[in-house]
Amino acid sequence: MLCLAPAWVLVSVTLWTVHGERGKEMRPFFSLTGAGGFFFLSAWLLMIFAGILHDEVGINPFGYRTSLLATIGLWLVLAPAAGAIASSMRQRG
């Protein structure tokens, strides 16, 4: 359950579109800034849920720095998959 939040964020940010010919060159900029905010939010949520569920899962609660490291690891693993899904959807439609 904790791994789904970063995947959802990456897929939703990747699938955003900017309408109009003039706005197409700004799409990567807004995708990157949007993903940055969601990165810190998902790291914070991971820390909160790990603190709540630590007894049931069998882990020690960890801080924000460890949560940032775990989140960047998840994003680096899931980002290529989200990009591949988005590009395959773009080629079909």
PDB file of N, CA and C in Angstrom:
ATOM      1  N   MET A   1       0.821  -1.192   0.000  1.00  0.00           N
ATOM      2  CA  MET A   1       0.000   0.000   0.000  1.00  0.00           C
ATOM      3  C   MET A   1       0.860   1.249   0.000  1.00  0.00           C
ATOM      4  N   LEU A   2       1.965   1.218   0.718  1.00  0.00           N
ATOM      5  CA  LEU A   2       2.823   2.390   0.780  1.00  0.00           C
ATOM      6  C   LEU A   2       3.522   2.663  -0.544  1.00  0.00           C
ATOM      7  N   CYS A   3       3.726   1.633  -1.357  1.00  0.00           N
ATOM      8  CA  CYS A   3       4.427   1.795  -2.626  1.00  0.00           C
ATOM      9  C   CYS A   3       3.539   2.373  -3.713  1.00  0.00           C
ATOM     10  N   LEU A   4       2.234   2.390  -3.546  1.00  0.00           N
ATOM     11  CA  LEU A   4       1.338   2.823  -4.596  1.00  0.00           C
ATOM     12  C   LEU A   4       1.287   4.337  -4.752  1.00  0.00           C
ATOM     13  N   ALA A   5       1.523   5.077  -3.683  1.00  0.00           N
ATOM     14  CA  ALA A   5       1.421   6.539  -3.773  1.00  0.00           C
ATOM     15  C   ALA A   5       2.442   7.128  -4.746  1.00  0.00           C
ATOM     16  N   PRO A   6       3.738   6.779  -4.686  1.00  0.00           N
ATOM     17  CA  PRO A   6       4.666   7.345  -5.661  1.00  0.00           C
ATOM     18  C   PRO A   6       4.340   6.940  -7.094  1.00  0.00           C
ATOM     19  N   ALA A   7       3.860   5.710  -7.311  1.00  0.00           N
ATOM     20  CA  ALA A   7       3.526   5.274  -8.669  1.00  0.00           C
ATOM     21  C   ALA A   7       2.369   6.088  -9.211  1.00  0.00           C
ATOM     22  N   TRP A   8       1.348   6.321  -8.390  1.00  0.00           N
ATOM     23  CA  TRP A   8       0.207   7.091  -8.839  1.00  0.00           C
ATOM     24  C   TRP A   8       0.613   8.512  -9.191  1.00  0.00           C
ATOM     25  N   VAL A   9       1.475   9.096  -8.391  1.00  0.00           N
ATOM     26  CA  VAL A   9       1.928  10.464  -8.637  1.00  0.00           C
ATOM     27  C   VAL A   9       2.684  10.535  -9.943  1.00  0.00           C
ATOM     28  N   LEU A  10       3.600   9.612 -10.175  1.00  0.00           N
ATOM     29  CA  LEU A  10       4.384   9.645 -11.403  1.00  0.00           C
ATOM     30  C   LEU A  10       3.521   9.454 -12.636  1.00  0.00           C
ATOM     31  N   VAL A  11       2.583   8.539 -12.576  1.00  0.00           N
ATOM     32  CA  VAL A  11       1.727   8.312 -13.733  1.00  0.00           C
ATOM     33  C   VAL A  11       0.842   9.515 -13.978  1.00  0.00           C
ATOM     34  N   SER A  12       0.283  10.107 -12.934  1.00  0.00           N
ATOM     35  CA  SER A  12      -0.600  11.252 -13.135  1.00  0.00           C
ATOM     36  C   SER A  12       0.171  12.466 -13.635  1.00  0.00           C
ATOM     37  N   VAL A  13       1.385  12.681 -13.148  1.00  0.00           N
ATOM     38  CA  VAL A  13       2.185  13.814 -13.618  1.00  0.00           C
ATOM     39  C   VAL A  13       2.615  13.585 -15.059  1.00  0.00           C
ATOM     40  N   THR A  14       2.948  12.344 -15.428  1.00  0.00           N
ATOM     41  CA  THR A  14       3.389  12.040 -16.777  1.00  0.00           C
ATOM     42  C   THR A  14       2.248  12.190 -17.771  1.00  0.00           C
ATOM     43  N   LEU A  15       1.028  11.887 -17.383  1.00  0.00           N
ATOM     44  CA  LEU A  15      -0.093  11.911 -18.299  1.00  0.00           C
ATOM     45  C   LEU A  15      -0.752  13.287 -18.442  1.00  0.00           C
ATOM     46  N   TRP A  16      -0.322  14.266 -17.646  1.00  0.00           N
ATOM     47  CA  TRP A  16      -0.884  15.610 -17.799  1.00  0.00           C
ATOM     48  C   TRP A  16      -0.554  16.140 -19.180  1.00  0.00           C
ATOM     49  N   THR A  17      -1.461  16.879 -19.760  1.00  0.00           N
ATOM     50  CA  THR A  17      -1.202  17.497 -21.057  1.00  0.00           C
ATOM     51  C   THR A  17      -1.488  18.980 -20.968  1.00  0.00           C
ATOM     52  N   VAL A  18      -0.739  19.738 -21.725  1.00  0.00           N
ATOM     53  CA  VAL A  18      -0.955  21.171 -21.828  1.00  0.00           C
ATOM     54  C   VAL A  18      -1.563  21.419 -23.199  1.00  0.00           C
ATOM     55  N   HIS A  19      -2.731  22.027 -23.241  1.00  0.00           N
ATOM     56  CA  HIS A  19      -3.431  22.215 -24.500  1.00  0.00           C
ATOM     57  C   HIS A  19      -2.902  23.455 -25.216  1.00  0.00           C
ATOM     58  N   GLY A  20      -2.927  23.388 -26.529  1.00  0.00           N
ATOM     59  CA  GLY A  20      -2.479  24.506 -27.341  1.00  0.00           C
ATOM     60  C   GLY A  20      -1.050  24.332 -27.815  1.00  0.00           C
ATOM     61  N   GLU A  21      -0.751  24.931 -28.938  1.00  0.00           N
ATOM     62  CA  GLU A  21       0.588  24.815 -29.510  1.00  0.00           C
ATOM     63  C   GLU A  21       1.624  25.579 -28.704  1.00  0.00           C
ATOM     64  N   ARG A  22       1.244  26.707 -28.155  1.00  0.00           N
ATOM     65  CA  ARG A  22       2.205  27.537 -27.437  1.00  0.00           C
ATOM     66  C   ARG A  22       2.648  26.917 -26.108  1.00  0.00           C
ATOM     67  N   GLY A  23       1.787  26.154 -25.450  1.00  0.00           N
ATOM     68  CA  GLY A  23       2.094  25.606 -24.146  1.00  0.00           C
ATOM     69  C   GLY A  23       2.888  24.317 -24.162  1.00  0.00           C
ATOM     70  N   LYS A  24       3.128  23.739 -25.331  1.00  0.00           N
ATOM     71  CA  LYS A  24       3.801  22.443 -25.387  1.00  0.00           C
ATOM     72  C   LYS A  24       5.248  22.509 -24.921  1.00  0.00           C
ATOM     73  N   GLU A  25       5.923  23.619 -25.129  1.00  0.00           N
ATOM     74  CA  GLU A  25       7.318  23.699 -24.706  1.00  0.00           C
ATOM     75  C   GLU A  25       7.451  23.870 -23.190  1.00  0.00           C
ATOM     76  N   MET A  26       6.369  24.217 -22.496  1.00  0.00           N
ATOM     77  CA  MET A  26       6.405  24.390 -21.043  1.00  0.00           C
ATOM     78  C   MET A  26       5.994  23.128 -20.294  1.00  0.00           C
ATOM     79  N   ARG A  27       5.519  22.111 -20.973  1.00  0.00           N
ATOM     80  CA  ARG A  27       5.039  20.898 -20.313  1.00  0.00           C
ATOM     81  C   ARG A  27       6.103  20.230 -19.443  1.00  0.00           C
ATOM     82  N   PRO A  28       7.337  20.022 -19.915  1.00  0.00           N
ATOM     83  CA  PRO A  28       8.330  19.379 -19.041  1.00  0.00           C
ATOM     84  C   PRO A  28       8.633  20.191 -17.778  1.00  0.00           C
ATOM     85  N   PHE A  29       8.615  21.506 -17.886  1.00  0.00           N
ATOM     86  CA  PHE A  29       8.886  22.348 -16.720  1.00  0.00           C
ATOM     87  C   PHE A  29       7.823  22.155 -15.650  1.00  0.00           C
ATOM     88  N   PHE A  30       6.558  22.194 -16.038  1.00  0.00           N
ATOM     89  CA  PHE A  30       5.484  22.048 -15.063  1.00  0.00           C
ATOM     90  C   PHE A  30       5.397  20.625 -14.532  1.00  0.00           C
ATOM     91  N   SER A  31       5.731  19.630 -15.336  1.00  0.00           N
ATOM     92  CA  SER A  31       5.743  18.253 -14.855  1.00  0.00           C
ATOM     93  C   SER A  31       6.812  18.069 -13.792  1.00  0.00           C
ATOM     94  N   LEU A  32       7.963  18.661 -14.008  1.00  0.00           N
ATOM     95  CA  LEU A  32       9.057  18.522 -13.055  1.00  0.00           C
ATOM     96  C   LEU A  32       8.748  19.217 -11.735  1.00  0.00           C
ATOM     97  N   THR A  33       8.224  20.429 -11.786  1.00  0.00           N
ATOM     98  CA  THR A  33       7.903  21.132 -10.543  1.00  0.00           C
ATOM     99  C   THR A  33       6.749  20.465  -9.808  1.00  0.00           C
ATOM    100  N   GLY A  34       5.791  19.921 -10.540  1.00  0.00           N
ATOM    101  CA  GLY A  34       4.695  19.202  -9.900  1.00  0.00           C
ATOM    102  C   GLY A  34       5.169  17.930  -9.229  1.00  0.00           C
ATOM    103  N   ALA A  35       6.080  17.234  -9.877  1.00  0.00           N
ATOM    104  CA  ALA A  35       6.614  15.995  -9.303  1.00  0.00           C
ATOM    105  C   ALA A  35       7.448  16.288  -8.057  1.00  0.00           C
ATOM    106  N   GLY A  36       8.137  17.402  -8.026  1.00  0.00           N
ATOM    107  CA  GLY A  36       8.947  17.752  -6.853  1.00  0.00           C
ATOM    108  C   GLY A  36       8.109  17.930  -5.607  1.00  0.00           C
ATOM    109  N   GLY A  37       6.996  18.607  -5.737  1.00  0.00           N
ATOM    110  CA  GLY A  37       6.103  18.788  -4.590  1.00  0.00           C
ATOM    111  C   GLY A  37       5.508  17.470  -4.110  1.00  0.00           C
ATOM    112  N   PHE A  38       5.119  16.625  -5.063  1.00  0.00           N
ATOM    113  CA  PHE A  38       4.565  15.329  -4.700  1.00  0.00           C
ATOM    114  C   PHE A  38       5.615  14.410  -4.093  1.00  0.00           C
ATOM    115  N   PHE A  39       6.872  14.599  -4.454  1.00  0.00           N
ATOM    116  CA  PHE A  39       7.941  13.791  -3.871  1.00  0.00           C
ATOM    117  C   PHE A  39       8.025  14.020  -2.362  1.00  0.00           C
ATOM    118  N   PHE A  40       8.062  15.278  -1.946  1.00  0.00           N
ATOM    119  CA  PHE A  40       8.166  15.581  -0.523  1.00  0.00           C
ATOM    120  C   PHE A  40       6.898  15.169   0.236  1.00  0.00           C
ATOM    121  N   LEU A  41       5.755  15.317  -0.404  1.00  0.00           N
ATOM    122  CA  LEU A  41       4.504  14.888   0.221  1.00  0.00           C
ATOM    123  C   LEU A  41       4.467  13.366   0.396  1.00  0.00           C
ATOM    124  N   SER A  42       4.882  12.626  -0.614  1.00  0.00           N
ATOM    125  CA  SER A  42       4.853  11.170  -0.484  1.00  0.00           C
ATOM    126  C   SER A  42       5.890  10.675   0.520  1.00  0.00           C
ATOM    127  N   ALA A  43       7.032  11.361   0.649  1.00  0.00           N
ATOM    128  CA  ALA A  43       8.010  10.988   1.675  1.00  0.00           C
ATOM    129  C   ALA A  43       7.437  11.226   3.067  1.00  0.00           C
ATOM    130  N   TRP A  44       6.739  12.318   3.238  1.00  0.00           N
ATOM    131  CA  TRP A  44       6.129  12.617   4.531  1.00  0.00           C
ATOM    132  C   TRP A  44       5.048  11.585   4.862  1.00  0.00           C
ATOM    133  N   LEU A  45       4.219  11.233   3.873  1.00  0.00           N
ATOM    134  CA  LEU A  45       3.180  10.229   4.105  1.00  0.00           C
ATOM    135  C   LEU A  45       3.782   8.866   4.421  1.00  0.00           C
ATOM    136  N   LEU A  46       4.879   8.515   3.754  1.00  0.00           N
ATOM    137  CA  LEU A  46       5.560   7.251   4.054  1.00  0.00           C
ATOM    138  C   LEU A  46       6.039   7.240   5.501  1.00  0.00           C
ATOM    139  N   MET A  47       6.600   8.346   5.972  1.00  0.00           N
ATOM    140  CA  MET A  47       7.065   8.436   7.354  1.00  0.00           C
ATOM    141  C   MET A  47       5.887   8.297   8.335  1.00  0.00           C
ATOM    142  N   ILE A  48       4.779   8.968   8.041  1.00  0.00           N
ATOM    143  CA  ILE A  48       3.608   8.917   8.922  1.00  0.00           C
ATOM    144  C   ILE A  48       3.051   7.490   8.980  1.00  0.00           C
ATOM    145  N   PHE A  49       2.856   6.873   7.824  1.00  0.00           N
ATOM    146  CA  PHE A  49       2.276   5.524   7.806  1.00  0.00           C
ATOM    147  C   PHE A  49       3.230   4.488   8.381  1.00  0.00           C
ATOM    148  N   ALA A  50       4.522   4.666   8.200  1.00  0.00           N
ATOM    149  CA  ALA A  50       5.480   3.738   8.814  1.00  0.00           C
ATOM    150  C   ALA A  50       5.442   3.867  10.335  1.00  0.00           C
ATOM    151  N   GLY A  51       5.240   5.072  10.833  1.00  0.00           N
ATOM    152  CA  GLY A  51       5.114   5.258  12.280  1.00  0.00           C
ATOM    153  C   GLY A  51       3.843   4.660  12.843  1.00  0.00           C
ATOM    154  N   ILE A  52       2.771   4.718  12.066  1.00  0.00           N
ATOM    155  CA  ILE A  52       1.499   4.171  12.529  1.00  0.00           C
ATOM    156  C   ILE A  52       1.506   2.641  12.473  1.00  0.00           C
ATOM    157  N   LEU A  53       2.065   2.083  11.406  1.00  0.00           N
ATOM    158  CA  LEU A  53       1.977   0.642  11.168  1.00  0.00           C
ATOM    159  C   LEU A  53       3.221  -0.135  11.574  1.00  0.00           C
ATOM    160  N   HIS A  54       4.150   0.479  12.302  1.00  0.00           N
ATOM    161  CA  HIS A  54       5.420  -0.187  12.583  1.00  0.00           C
ATOM    162  C   HIS A  54       5.255  -1.463  13.389  1.00  0.00           C
ATOM    163  N   ASP A  55       4.300  -1.524  14.294  1.00  0.00           N
ATOM    164  CA  ASP A  55       4.091  -2.745  15.082  1.00  0.00           C
ATOM    165  C   ASP A  55       3.549  -3.885  14.219  1.00  0.00           C
ATOM    166  N   GLU A  56       2.571  -3.568  13.364  1.00  0.00           N
ATOM    167  CA  GLU A  56       1.949  -4.598  12.534  1.00  0.00           C
ATOM    168  C   GLU A  56       2.898  -5.119  11.455  1.00  0.00           C
ATOM    169  N   VAL A  57       3.733  -4.226  10.919  1.00  0.00           N
ATOM    170  CA  VAL A  57       4.641  -4.604   9.834  1.00  0.00           C
ATOM    171  C   VAL A  57       5.920  -5.221  10.386  1.00  0.00           C
ATOM    172  N   GLY A  58       6.315  -4.839  11.583  1.00  0.00           N
ATOM    173  CA  GLY A  58       7.519  -5.377  12.196  1.00  0.00           C
ATOM    174  C   GLY A  58       8.775  -4.594  11.877  1.00  0.00           C
ATOM    175  N   ILE A  59       8.639  -3.269  11.715  1.00  0.00           N
ATOM    176  CA  ILE A  59       9.792  -2.405  11.440  1.00  0.00           C
ATOM    177  C   ILE A  59       9.930  -1.382  12.554  1.00  0.00           C
ATOM    178  N   ASN A  60      11.077  -0.768  12.631  1.00  0.00           N
ATOM    179  CA  ASN A  60      11.258   0.352  13.550  1.00  0.00           C
ATOM    180  C   ASN A  60      10.779   1.625  12.877  1.00  0.00           C
ATOM    181  N   PRO A  61      10.146   2.531  13.621  1.00  0.00           N
ATOM    182  CA  PRO A  61       9.762   3.805  13.018  1.00  0.00           C
ATOM    183  C   PRO A  61      11.009   4.562  12.560  1.00  0.00           C
ATOM    184  N   PHE A  62      10.906   5.269  11.470  1.00  0.00           N
ATOM    185  CA  PHE A  62      12.057   6.011  10.954  1.00  0.00           C
ATOM    186  C   PHE A  62      11.676   7.452  10.694  1.00  0.00           C
ATOM    187  N   GLY A  63      12.694   8.291  10.537  1.00  0.00           N
ATOM    188  CA  GLY A  63      12.489   9.720  10.381  1.00  0.00           C
ATOM    189  C   GLY A  63      12.327  10.156   8.937  1.00  0.00           C
ATOM    190  N   TYR A  64      12.286  11.460   8.772  1.00  0.00           N
ATOM    191  CA  TYR A  64      12.019  12.036   7.457  1.00  0.00           C
ATOM    192  C   TYR A  64      13.184  11.796   6.496  1.00  0.00           C
ATOM    193  N   ARG A  65      14.400  11.825   6.980  1.00  0.00           N
ATOM    194  CA  ARG A  65      15.558  11.624   6.109  1.00  0.00           C
ATOM    195  C   ARG A  65      15.550  10.207   5.511  1.00  0.00           C
ATOM    196  N   THR A  66      15.279   9.211   6.335  1.00  0.00           N
ATOM    197  CA  THR A  66      15.190   7.841   5.840  1.00  0.00           C
ATOM    198  C   THR A  66      14.006   7.684   4.901  1.00  0.00           C
ATOM    199  N   SER A  67      12.924   8.374   5.204  1.00  0.00           N
ATOM    200  CA  SER A  67      11.757   8.340   4.338  1.00  0.00           C
ATOM    201  C   SER A  67      12.058   8.957   2.974  1.00  0.00           C
ATOM    202  N   LEU A  68      12.855  10.030   2.949  1.00  0.00           N
ATOM    203  CA  LEU A  68      13.262  10.627   1.676  1.00  0.00           C
ATOM    204  C   LEU A  68      14.089   9.649   0.856  1.00  0.00           C
ATOM    205  N   LEU A  69      15.001   8.936   1.505  1.00  0.00           N
ATOM    206  CA  LEU A  69      15.827   7.963   0.791  1.00  0.00           C
ATOM    207  C   LEU A  69      14.986   6.815   0.238  1.00  0.00           C
ATOM    208  N   ALA A  70      14.049   6.317   1.025  1.00  0.00           N
ATOM    209  CA  ALA A  70      13.189   5.238   0.547  1.00  0.00           C
ATOM    210  C   ALA A  70      12.304   5.705  -0.603  1.00  0.00           C
ATOM    211  N   THR A  71      11.811   6.931  -0.525  1.00  0.00           N
ATOM    212  CA  THR A  71      10.941   7.457  -1.568  1.00  0.00           C
ATOM    213  C   THR A  71      11.706   7.666  -2.868  1.00  0.00           C
ATOM    214  N   ILE A  72      12.915   8.198  -2.801  1.00  0.00           N
ATOM    215  CA  ILE A  72      13.677   8.387  -4.041  1.00  0.00           C
ATOM    216  C   ILE A  72      14.027   7.040  -4.649  1.00  0.00           C
ATOM    217  N   GLY A  73      14.279   6.031  -3.819  1.00  0.00           N
ATOM    218  CA  GLY A  73      14.517   4.690  -4.345  1.00  0.00           C
ATOM    219  C   GLY A  73      13.301   4.128  -5.057  1.00  0.00           C
ATOM    220  N   LEU A  74      12.125   4.301  -4.449  1.00  0.00           N
ATOM    221  CA  LEU A  74      10.891   3.836  -5.087  1.00  0.00           C
ATOM    222  C   LEU A  74      10.626   4.572  -6.390  1.00  0.00           C
ATOM    223  N   TRP A  75      10.856   5.875  -6.403  1.00  0.00           N
ATOM    224  CA  TRP A  75      10.614   6.669  -7.597  1.00  0.00           C
ATOM    225  C   TRP A  75      11.580   6.286  -8.712  1.00  0.00           C
ATOM    226  N   LEU A  76      12.833   6.013  -8.374  1.00  0.00           N
ATOM    227  CA  LEU A  76      13.792   5.631  -9.407  1.00  0.00           C
ATOM    228  C   LEU A  76      13.475   4.265  -9.990  1.00  0.00           C
ATOM    229  N   VAL A  77      12.865   3.406  -9.206  1.00  0.00           N
ATOM    230  CA  VAL A  77      12.476   2.090  -9.717  1.00  0.00           C
ATOM    231  C   VAL A  77      11.184   2.182 -10.526  1.00  0.00           C
ATOM    232  N   LEU A  78      10.225   2.976 -10.060  1.00  0.00           N
ATOM    233  CA  LEU A  78       8.921   3.029 -10.696  1.00  0.00           C
ATOM    234  C   LEU A  78       8.812   4.027 -11.846  1.00  0.00           C
ATOM    235  N   ALA A  79       9.693   5.011 -11.917  1.00  0.00           N
ATOM    236  CA  ALA A  79       9.602   6.032 -12.960  1.00  0.00           C
ATOM    237  C   ALA A  79       9.765   5.454 -14.367  1.00  0.00           C
ATOM    238  N   PRO A  80      10.719   4.574 -14.614  1.00  0.00           N
ATOM    239  CA  PRO A  80      10.806   4.013 -15.972  1.00  0.00           C
ATOM    240  C   PRO A  80       9.553   3.231 -16.363  1.00  0.00           C
ATOM    241  N   ALA A  81       8.962   2.517 -15.419  1.00  0.00           N
ATOM    242  CA  ALA A  81       7.738   1.780 -15.725  1.00  0.00           C
ATOM    243  C   ALA A  81       6.591   2.742 -16.045  1.00  0.00           C
ATOM    244  N   ALA A  82       6.465   3.801 -15.280  1.00  0.00           N
ATOM    245  CA  ALA A  82       5.404   4.786 -15.534  1.00  0.00           C
ATOM    246  C   ALA A  82       5.627   5.482 -16.873  1.00  0.00           C
ATOM    247  N   GLY A  83       6.873   5.782 -17.203  1.00  0.00           N
ATOM    248  CA  GLY A  83       7.176   6.394 -18.499  1.00  0.00           C
ATOM    249  C   GLY A  83       6.876   5.465 -19.654  1.00  0.00           C
ATOM    250  N   ALA A  84       7.170   4.182 -19.487  1.00  0.00           N
ATOM    251  CA  ALA A  84       6.881   3.216 -20.546  1.00  0.00           C
ATOM    252  C   ALA A  84       5.372   3.062 -20.759  1.00  0.00           C
ATOM    253  N   ILE A  85       4.625   3.045 -19.665  1.00  0.00           N
ATOM    254  CA  ILE A  85       3.159   2.956 -19.786  1.00  0.00           C
ATOM    255  C   ILE A  85       2.606   4.193 -20.467  1.00  0.00           C
ATOM    256  N   ALA A  86       3.095   5.362 -20.075  1.00  0.00           N
ATOM    257  CA  ALA A  86       2.586   6.600 -20.674  1.00  0.00           C
ATOM    258  C   ALA A  86       2.931   6.683 -22.144  1.00  0.00           C
ATOM    259  N   SER A  87       4.140   6.284 -22.531  1.00  0.00           N
ATOM    260  CA  SER A  87       4.513   6.372 -23.946  1.00  0.00           C
ATOM    261  C   SER A  87       3.754   5.338 -24.784  1.00  0.00           C
ATOM    262  N   SER A  88       3.459   4.171 -24.215  1.00  0.00           N
ATOM    263  CA  SER A  88       2.685   3.188 -24.973  1.00  0.00           C
ATOM    264  C   SER A  88       1.246   3.658 -25.146  1.00  0.00           C
ATOM    265  N   MET A  89       0.699   4.364 -24.164  1.00  0.00           N
ATOM    266  CA  MET A  89      -0.646   4.912 -24.296  1.00  0.00           C
ATOM    267  C   MET A  89      -0.675   6.029 -25.339  1.00  0.00           C
ATOM    268  N   ARG A  90       0.388   6.814 -25.394  1.00  0.00           N
ATOM    269  CA  ARG A  90       0.474   7.899 -26.351  1.00  0.00           C
ATOM    270  C   ARG A  90       0.573   7.357 -27.783  1.00  0.00           C
ATOM    271  N   GLN A  91       1.280   6.259 -27.983  1.00  0.00           N
ATOM    272  CA  GLN A  91       1.438   5.676 -29.312  1.00  0.00           C
ATOM    273  C   GLN A  91       0.149   5.030 -29.808  1.00  0.00           C
ATOM    274  N   ARG A  92      -0.642   4.485 -28.907  1.00  0.00           N
ATOM    275  CA  ARG A  92      -1.908   3.852 -29.299  1.00  0.00           C
ATOM    276  C   ARG A  92      -2.953   4.875 -29.697  1.00  0.00           C
ATOM    277  N   GLY A  93      -3.004   5.980 -28.949  1.00  0.00           N
ATOM    278  CA  GLY A  93      -4.078   6.961 -29.153  1.00  0.00           C
ATOM    279  C   GLY A  93      -3.697   8.066 -29.966  1.00  0.00           C
TER     280      GLY A  93
END
